[in-house]
Amino acid sequence: MSIIDNTSKPESILNKKSNEVCCHAVRESVALGETLTALIPGSENLAELMTKVLSGSKCKYLVHNLMHDIFMIIACTLTWSANWYTNPHSAL
């Protein structure tokens, strides 16, 4: 929760200089509405695939979610590309 507080509240105090430098860009992005921050429960956190030893079922669940997200990004991109290719002025 502290990461969300640090990125969304300009008055928050950061404990480390390196965090202060990195969070400056994130705070600006959040303030401009370019980035949304949200709390992700540990059971849904895809970063755990690379940072923790997981049980087989937990690993399979997270990999399935990751592959679903990648598939959706590719599908949306291909759909947009196909629509743009057939009528490039409709995307404007």
Protein backbone atom coordinates (compact mmCIF):
# COMPACT_ATOMS: atom_id res chain seq x y z
CA MET A 1 0.00 0.00 0.00
CA SER A 2 2.91 2.37 0.61
CA ILE A 3 3.84 2.31 -3.09
CA ILE A 4 0.38 3.57 -4.02
CA ASP A 5 0.57 6.25 -1.32
CA ASN A 6 4.03 7.34 -2.47
CA THR A 7 3.00 7.61 -6.11
CA SER A 8 -0.36 9.27 -5.65
CA LYS A 9 0.22 11.67 -2.74
CA PRO A 10 2.77 14.43 -3.39
CA GLU A 11 3.07 15.13 0.35
CA SER A 12 4.24 11.59 1.19
CA ILE A 13 7.80 11.26 2.47
CA LEU A 14 10.02 8.72 0.76
CA ASN A 15 12.59 6.85 2.82
CA LYS A 16 15.26 6.33 0.15
CA LYS A 17 16.83 8.70 -2.35
CA SER A 18 16.61 6.15 -5.21
CA ASN A 19 12.86 5.81 -4.61
CA GLU A 20 12.50 9.57 -4.66
CA VAL A 21 14.09 9.83 -8.10
CA CYS A 22 12.00 7.00 -9.58
CA CYS A 23 8.74 8.08 -7.97
CA HIS A 24 9.04 11.63 -9.30
CA ALA A 25 8.28 10.44 -12.83
CA VAL A 26 5.50 8.15 -11.58
CA ARG A 27 3.89 10.94 -9.54
CA GLU A 28 3.91 13.20 -12.57
CA SER A 29 2.39 10.48 -14.73
CA VAL A 30 -0.34 9.81 -12.12
CA ALA A 31 -1.06 13.53 -11.81
CA LEU A 32 -1.49 13.80 -15.59
CA GLY A 33 -3.80 10.79 -15.63
CA GLU A 34 -1.44 8.78 -17.83
CA THR A 35 -0.96 6.07 -15.19
CA LEU A 36 -3.44 4.47 -12.83
CA THR A 37 -2.31 2.87 -9.58
CA ALA A 38 -4.27 0.21 -7.75
CA LEU A 39 -3.79 -2.36 -5.02
CA ILE A 40 -3.21 -5.84 -6.41
CA PRO A 41 -3.79 -8.67 -3.93
CA GLY A 42 -0.85 -11.03 -3.48
CA SER A 43 -2.91 -13.87 -4.93
CA GLU A 44 -3.20 -11.96 -8.24
CA ASN A 45 0.30 -10.42 -8.38
CA LEU A 46 2.06 -11.66 -11.52
CA ALA A 47 5.43 -10.38 -10.24
CA GLU A 48 5.45 -13.27 -7.78
CA LEU A 49 6.28 -15.58 -10.72
CA MET A 50 9.78 -14.07 -10.82
CA THR A 51 10.33 -13.24 -7.15
CA LYS A 52 8.98 -16.15 -5.10
CA VAL A 53 8.91 -19.92 -4.99
CA LEU A 54 5.31 -20.87 -5.72
CA SER A 55 3.29 -24.05 -5.50
CA GLY A 56 2.43 -25.74 -8.78
CA SER A 57 -1.22 -24.68 -8.70
CA LYS A 58 -0.38 -21.04 -7.85
CA CYS A 59 2.26 -20.92 -10.59
CA LYS A 60 -0.13 -22.44 -13.14
CA TYR A 61 -2.86 -19.95 -12.16
CA LEU A 62 -0.56 -16.93 -12.54
CA VAL A 63 0.91 -18.16 -15.84
CA HIS A 64 -2.63 -18.70 -17.16
CA ASN A 65 -3.55 -15.12 -16.20
CA LEU A 66 -0.36 -13.76 -17.77
CA MET A 67 -0.97 -15.62 -21.02
CA HIS A 68 -4.58 -14.40 -21.06
CA ASP A 69 -3.41 -10.79 -20.66
CA ILE A 70 -0.84 -11.18 -23.44
CA PHE A 71 -3.44 -12.79 -25.72
CA MET A 72 -5.90 -9.94 -25.09
CA ILE A 73 -3.26 -7.30 -25.90
CA ILE A 74 -2.35 -9.08 -29.14
CA ALA A 75 -5.99 -9.61 -30.10
CA CYS A 76 -6.85 -5.95 -29.50
CA THR A 77 -3.80 -4.81 -31.45
CA LEU A 78 -4.59 -7.08 -34.39
CA THR A 79 -8.22 -5.99 -34.41
CA TRP A 80 -7.21 -2.32 -34.41
CA SER A 81 -4.63 -2.96 -37.15
CA ALA A 82 -7.14 -4.81 -39.32
CA ASN A 83 -9.72 -2.05 -38.89
CA TRP A 84 -7.14 0.61 -39.64
CA TYR A 85 -5.89 -1.24 -42.72
CA THR A 86 -9.37 -1.51 -44.23
CA ASN A 87 -10.38 2.07 -43.34
CA PRO A 88 -7.44 4.18 -42.04
CA HIS A 89 -9.55 7.33 -41.65
CA SER A 90 -12.01 5.71 -39.25
CA ALA A 91 -9.38 5.49 -36.49
CA LEU A 92 -8.86 9.26 -36.51
